[in-house]
Amino acid sequence: MMRRSGAPLALGLAALALAGCGGGNYSWGWYVVSPFDARGTTNLQFLLQGAGFTVAVALSAITISVLAGLLVALPALSANRFLRGANRLYVELFRSVPMLVMVLWVYYGMPVLLDVRVGVFAAGVIALALCDSAFEAEIFRAGIQSIDHGQHEAADALGLGYIDKMRYVILPQAIRRVLPPLGNQFVYMLKASSLLSVIGLTELTRRANELVVTEYRPLEIYTFLVLEYLVLILVASWLVRRLERRMAASDRLRAAKA
């Protein structure tokens, strides 16, 4: 599946690059990102060093947001209207705030309001996790509600408490169903990490911006930036699909043994 979808995209980018190089009056300067040029090699190393921060931010933020989203989703399933109201307030609040605004507010607001100084990495992770946790909560809520009511009744008949029922019966099934949207959220988080360039985190986009200032070749540098994100997203998508296939194979094996 990945080869079928990735090949046309790669061909399209190649065709676009060739068309751009062949027409117009623009004088291309691919030497700035060429691995065959000493200057380009140095620039490539500088740009690629930002990948570590991009992946680290995405992994940290998605981990926190998944855990927070699960905790926020559980009150939405409660019969207590105050708990449901607290869930709805949280979801609507953080789902309504743009991520860039949240990044700026956390970075500049927390030291003033809470007297807590945070670095750019921590501020970025907190901001992205807060915004994404609202979406994760809705994903988990929908996944848990999709489980057949008979599973709840069977767990109750076995005498399982609420925590054990969720841990051993409901959540394992729900996680399998919500894995694709969780994977999509991780891909989205990789792209959203570019917003942290505005507060100075030297991830991929920040490094590209800094190199543009020194090289004055924005089109070539930002084209390479597009390719960097493309590779990251394709790899992340492939890993998610592979995990889905392994879980599906495990389910089939378990069903066959049963």
Protein backbone atom coordinates (compact mmCIF):
# COMPACT_ATOMS: atom_id res chain seq x y z
CA MET A 1 0.00 0.00 0.00
CA MET A 2 2.79 2.40 0.87
CA ARG A 3 4.60 1.76 -2.41
CA ARG A 4 1.45 2.40 -4.42
CA SER A 5 0.71 5.69 -2.69
CA GLY A 6 4.31 6.88 -2.30
CA ALA A 7 5.49 6.26 -5.87
CA PRO A 8 3.05 8.66 -7.60
CA LEU A 9 3.82 11.33 -5.02
CA ALA A 10 7.57 10.94 -5.53
CA LEU A 11 7.14 11.05 -9.30
CA GLY A 12 4.98 14.15 -8.97
CA LEU A 13 7.61 15.92 -6.90
CA ALA A 14 10.32 14.93 -9.34
CA ALA A 15 8.27 16.19 -12.26
CA LEU A 16 7.59 19.45 -10.46
CA ALA A 17 11.28 19.92 -9.69
CA LEU A 18 12.29 19.19 -13.27
CA ALA A 19 9.64 21.51 -14.63
CA GLY A 20 10.74 24.27 -12.31
CA CYS A 21 14.39 23.82 -13.18
CA GLY A 22 13.69 23.97 -16.87
CA GLY A 23 11.44 27.01 -17.09
CA GLY A 24 11.23 30.59 -15.93
CA ASN A 25 13.98 33.04 -15.18
CA TYR A 26 14.74 31.75 -11.72
CA SER A 27 18.38 30.77 -11.26
CA TRP A 28 18.34 27.61 -9.15
CA GLY A 29 21.04 27.12 -6.57
CA TRP A 30 20.76 23.50 -5.52
CA TYR A 31 24.38 23.62 -4.39
CA VAL A 32 23.14 24.88 -1.00
CA VAL A 33 21.67 21.42 -0.28
CA SER A 34 23.80 19.28 -2.55
CA PRO A 35 25.64 16.35 -0.93
CA PHE A 36 28.28 16.69 -3.67
CA ASP A 37 29.25 20.18 -2.63
CA ALA A 38 31.23 20.95 0.53
CA ARG A 39 28.99 23.88 1.38
CA GLY A 40 25.88 21.85 0.64
CA THR A 41 27.08 18.97 2.82
CA THR A 42 27.56 21.31 5.75
CA ASN A 43 24.08 22.76 5.21
CA LEU A 44 22.52 19.30 5.00
CA GLN A 45 24.12 18.29 8.27
CA PHE A 46 22.81 21.46 9.87
CA LEU A 47 19.28 20.85 8.60
CA LEU A 48 19.14 17.17 9.50
CA GLN A 49 20.23 17.84 13.07
CA GLY A 50 16.78 19.27 13.67
CA ALA A 51 15.10 15.91 13.05
CA GLY A 52 15.97 14.73 16.55
CA PHE A 53 14.02 17.55 18.19
CA THR A 54 11.09 17.08 15.81
CA VAL A 55 10.73 13.38 16.62
CA ALA A 56 11.39 13.88 20.35
CA VAL A 57 8.72 16.58 20.63
CA ALA A 58 6.18 14.51 18.71
CA LEU A 59 6.80 11.36 20.76
CA SER A 60 6.75 13.21 24.09
CA ALA A 61 3.61 15.19 23.25
CA ILE A 62 1.66 12.23 21.86
CA THR A 63 2.55 10.08 24.88
CA ILE A 64 1.31 12.71 27.32
CA SER A 65 -1.77 13.53 25.26
CA VAL A 66 -2.79 9.87 24.93
CA LEU A 67 -2.57 9.32 28.70
CA ALA A 68 -4.34 12.61 29.45
CA GLY A 69 -6.95 11.92 26.77
CA LEU A 70 -7.76 8.53 28.26
CA LEU A 71 -8.19 10.03 31.74
CA VAL A 72 -10.37 12.82 30.35
CA ALA A 73 -12.47 10.38 28.32
CA LEU A 74 -13.55 8.25 31.29
CA PRO A 75 -15.70 10.93 32.98
CA ALA A 76 -17.63 11.29 29.71
CA LEU A 77 -18.88 7.72 30.22
CA SER A 78 -20.03 8.39 33.77
CA ALA A 79 -23.67 8.66 34.81
CA ASN A 80 -22.71 11.69 36.91
CA ARG A 81 -23.66 14.82 34.99
CA PHE A 82 -21.01 16.93 36.74
CA LEU A 83 -18.26 14.58 35.54
CA ARG A 84 -19.69 14.65 32.04
CA GLY A 85 -19.82 18.43 32.23
CA ALA A 86 -16.17 18.61 33.33
CA ASN A 87 -15.21 16.40 30.38
CA ARG A 88 -17.14 18.56 27.94
CA LEU A 89 -15.62 21.76 29.33
CA TYR A 90 -12.08 20.39 29.01
CA VAL A 91 -12.62 19.08 25.48
CA GLU A 92 -14.29 22.22 24.17
CA LEU A 93 -11.74 24.51 25.80
CA PHE A 94 -8.56 22.91 24.48
CA ARG A 95 -10.10 21.89 21.16
CA SER A 96 -11.02 25.51 20.46
CA VAL A 97 -7.61 27.08 21.08
CA PRO A 98 -5.25 27.10 18.04
CA MET A 99 -2.03 25.23 18.70
CA LEU A 100 0.16 28.21 17.84
CA VAL A 101 -1.72 30.38 20.32
CA MET A 102 -1.35 27.68 22.99
CA VAL A 103 2.38 27.40 22.32
CA LEU A 104 2.82 31.16 22.77
CA TRP A 105 0.59 31.26 25.85
CA VAL A 106 2.39 28.40 27.61
CA TYR A 107 5.85 29.77 26.82
CA TYR A 108 5.13 33.36 27.81
CA GLY A 109 2.21 32.91 30.21
CA MET A 110 3.31 30.15 32.58
CA PRO A 111 6.32 32.06 33.98
CA VAL A 112 4.06 35.04 34.75
CA LEU A 113 0.92 33.32 36.03
CA LEU A 114 2.43 30.26 37.75
CA ASP A 115 5.94 31.54 38.45
CA VAL A 116 7.30 28.49 36.64
CA ARG A 117 10.06 28.89 34.09
CA VAL A 118 10.03 26.32 31.32
CA GLY A 119 12.40 25.81 28.42
CA VAL A 120 11.30 25.87 24.81
CA PHE A 121 11.21 22.06 24.59
CA ALA A 122 9.06 21.61 27.70
CA ALA A 123 6.77 24.50 26.75
CA GLY A 124 6.26 23.06 23.29
CA VAL A 125 5.50 19.57 24.58
CA ILE A 126 3.03 20.90 27.17
CA ALA A 127 1.23 23.08 24.64
CA LEU A 128 0.93 20.40 21.95
CA ALA A 129 -0.11 17.77 24.48
CA LEU A 130 -2.84 19.98 25.97
CA CYS A 131 -4.37 20.73 22.59
CA ASP A 132 -4.12 17.17 21.33
CA SER A 133 -5.43 15.59 24.54
CA ALA A 134 -8.89 16.98 23.77
CA PHE A 135 -8.93 15.10 20.46
CA GLU A 136 -7.51 11.99 22.09
CA ALA A 137 -10.30 12.10 24.67
CA GLU A 138 -12.92 12.07 21.93
CA ILE A 139 -11.14 9.22 20.15
CA PHE A 140 -11.06 7.11 23.32
CA ARG A 141 -14.65 7.97 24.18
CA ALA A 142 -15.85 6.83 20.76
CA GLY A 143 -13.68 3.70 20.92
CA ILE A 144 -14.95 2.67 24.36
CA GLN A 145 -18.57 3.34 23.42
CA SER A 146 -18.17 1.18 20.30
CA ILE A 147 -17.56 -1.93 22.43
CA ASP A 148 -20.65 -4.12 22.58
CA HIS A 149 -22.66 -3.72 25.77
CA GLY A 150 -22.52 -7.48 26.23
CA GLN A 151 -18.82 -7.17 27.03
CA HIS A 152 -19.66 -4.89 29.96
CA GLU A 153 -22.33 -7.30 31.16
CA ALA A 154 -19.94 -10.26 30.90
CA ALA A 155 -17.30 -8.42 32.94
CA ASP A 156 -19.91 -7.50 35.56
CA ALA A 157 -21.06 -11.12 35.70
CA LEU A 158 -17.48 -12.18 36.45
CA GLY A 159 -17.46 -9.81 39.40
CA LEU A 160 -14.86 -7.46 37.96
CA GLY A 161 -14.71 -3.97 39.39
CA TYR A 162 -14.71 -0.87 37.20
CA ILE A 163 -10.92 -0.60 37.01
CA ASP A 164 -10.38 -4.31 36.29
CA LYS A 165 -13.20 -4.30 33.74
CA MET A 166 -11.62 -1.42 31.87
CA ARG A 167 -8.11 -2.83 32.18
CA TYR A 168 -8.73 -6.42 31.16
CA VAL A 169 -11.88 -6.35 29.03
CA ILE A 170 -12.89 -2.99 27.56
CA LEU A 171 -9.68 -1.04 26.94
CA PRO A 172 -7.76 -3.85 25.15
CA GLN A 173 -10.59 -4.05 22.62
CA ALA A 174 -11.03 -0.29 22.39
CA ILE A 175 -7.32 0.34 21.79
CA ARG A 176 -7.35 -1.96 18.79
CA ARG A 177 -10.20 0.07 17.31
CA VAL A 178 -8.69 3.49 18.00
CA LEU A 179 -5.15 2.63 16.87
CA PRO A 180 -5.60 4.06 13.33
CA PRO A 181 -6.81 7.49 14.55
CA LEU A 182 -4.09 7.49 17.24
CA GLY A 183 -1.55 6.87 14.51
CA ASN A 184 -3.01 9.75 12.51
CA GLN A 185 -2.66 11.99 15.56
CA PHE A 186 1.02 11.09 15.84
CA VAL A 187 1.52 12.02 12.18
CA TYR A 188 -0.30 15.29 12.87
CA MET A 189 1.95 15.89 15.88
CA LEU A 190 5.05 15.51 13.73
CA LYS A 191 3.77 18.28 11.49
CA ALA A 192 2.54 20.44 14.37
CA SER A 193 6.02 20.40 15.91
CA SER A 194 7.00 22.95 13.26
CA LEU A 195 5.00 25.54 15.24
CA LEU A 196 7.65 25.44 17.96
CA SER A 197 10.05 27.23 15.64
CA VAL A 198 8.38 30.50 16.70
CA ILE A 199 9.65 30.12 20.28
CA GLY A 200 13.16 29.13 19.22
CA LEU A 201 13.22 25.32 19.31
CA THR A 202 15.81 24.26 16.75
CA GLU A 203 13.71 21.59 15.06
CA LEU A 204 13.53 21.10 11.29
CA THR A 205 11.59 24.25 10.42
CA ARG A 206 13.63 26.51 12.69
CA ARG A 207 16.88 25.29 11.20
CA ALA A 208 15.53 25.82 7.69
CA ASN A 209 14.54 29.39 8.59
CA GLU A 210 17.99 30.07 10.03
CA LEU A 211 19.70 28.68 6.94
CA VAL A 212 17.53 30.80 4.64
CA VAL A 213 18.75 33.92 6.46
CA THR A 214 22.39 33.03 5.75
CA GLU A 215 22.09 31.47 2.29
CA TYR A 216 19.25 33.53 0.75
CA ARG A 217 17.96 30.44 -1.07
CA PRO A 218 14.47 29.94 0.40
CA LEU A 219 12.97 27.86 -2.41
CA GLU A 220 15.72 25.24 -2.44
CA ILE A 221 15.93 25.04 1.36
CA TYR A 222 12.17 24.85 1.91
CA THR A 223 11.90 22.25 -0.84
CA PHE A 224 14.36 20.10 1.08
CA LEU A 225 12.34 20.80 4.25
CA VAL A 226 9.24 19.42 2.49
CA LEU A 227 11.18 16.26 1.63
CA GLU A 228 12.33 15.91 5.25
CA TYR A 229 8.77 15.98 6.54
CA LEU A 230 7.63 13.69 3.73
CA VAL A 231 10.16 11.04 4.73
CA LEU A 232 9.25 11.34 8.43
CA ILE A 233 5.52 11.04 7.72
CA LEU A 234 5.93 8.08 5.37
CA VAL A 235 8.07 6.22 7.90
CA ALA A 236 5.64 6.96 10.74
CA SER A 237 2.67 5.87 8.62
CA TRP A 238 4.44 2.65 7.67
CA LEU A 239 5.19 1.86 11.31
CA VAL A 240 1.56 2.45 12.29
CA ARG A 241 0.27 0.21 9.50
CA ARG A 242 2.75 -2.50 10.45
CA LEU A 243 1.56 -2.35 14.06
CA GLU A 244 -2.05 -2.60 12.87
CA ARG A 245 -1.23 -5.69 10.80
CA ARG A 246 0.54 -7.35 13.71
CA MET A 247 -2.37 -6.71 16.04
CA ALA A 248 -4.81 -8.02 13.41
CA ALA A 249 -2.70 -11.16 12.97
CA SER A 250 -2.62 -11.64 16.75
CA ASP A 251 -6.42 -11.35 16.86
CA ARG A 252 -6.82 -13.93 14.10
CA LEU A 253 -4.45 -16.33 15.86
CA ARG A 254 -6.32 -15.91 19.13
CA ALA A 255 -9.65 -16.51 17.38
CA ALA A 256 -8.29 -19.63 15.68
CA LYS A 257 -7.12 -21.07 19.01
CA ALA A 258 -10.49 -20.34 20.55
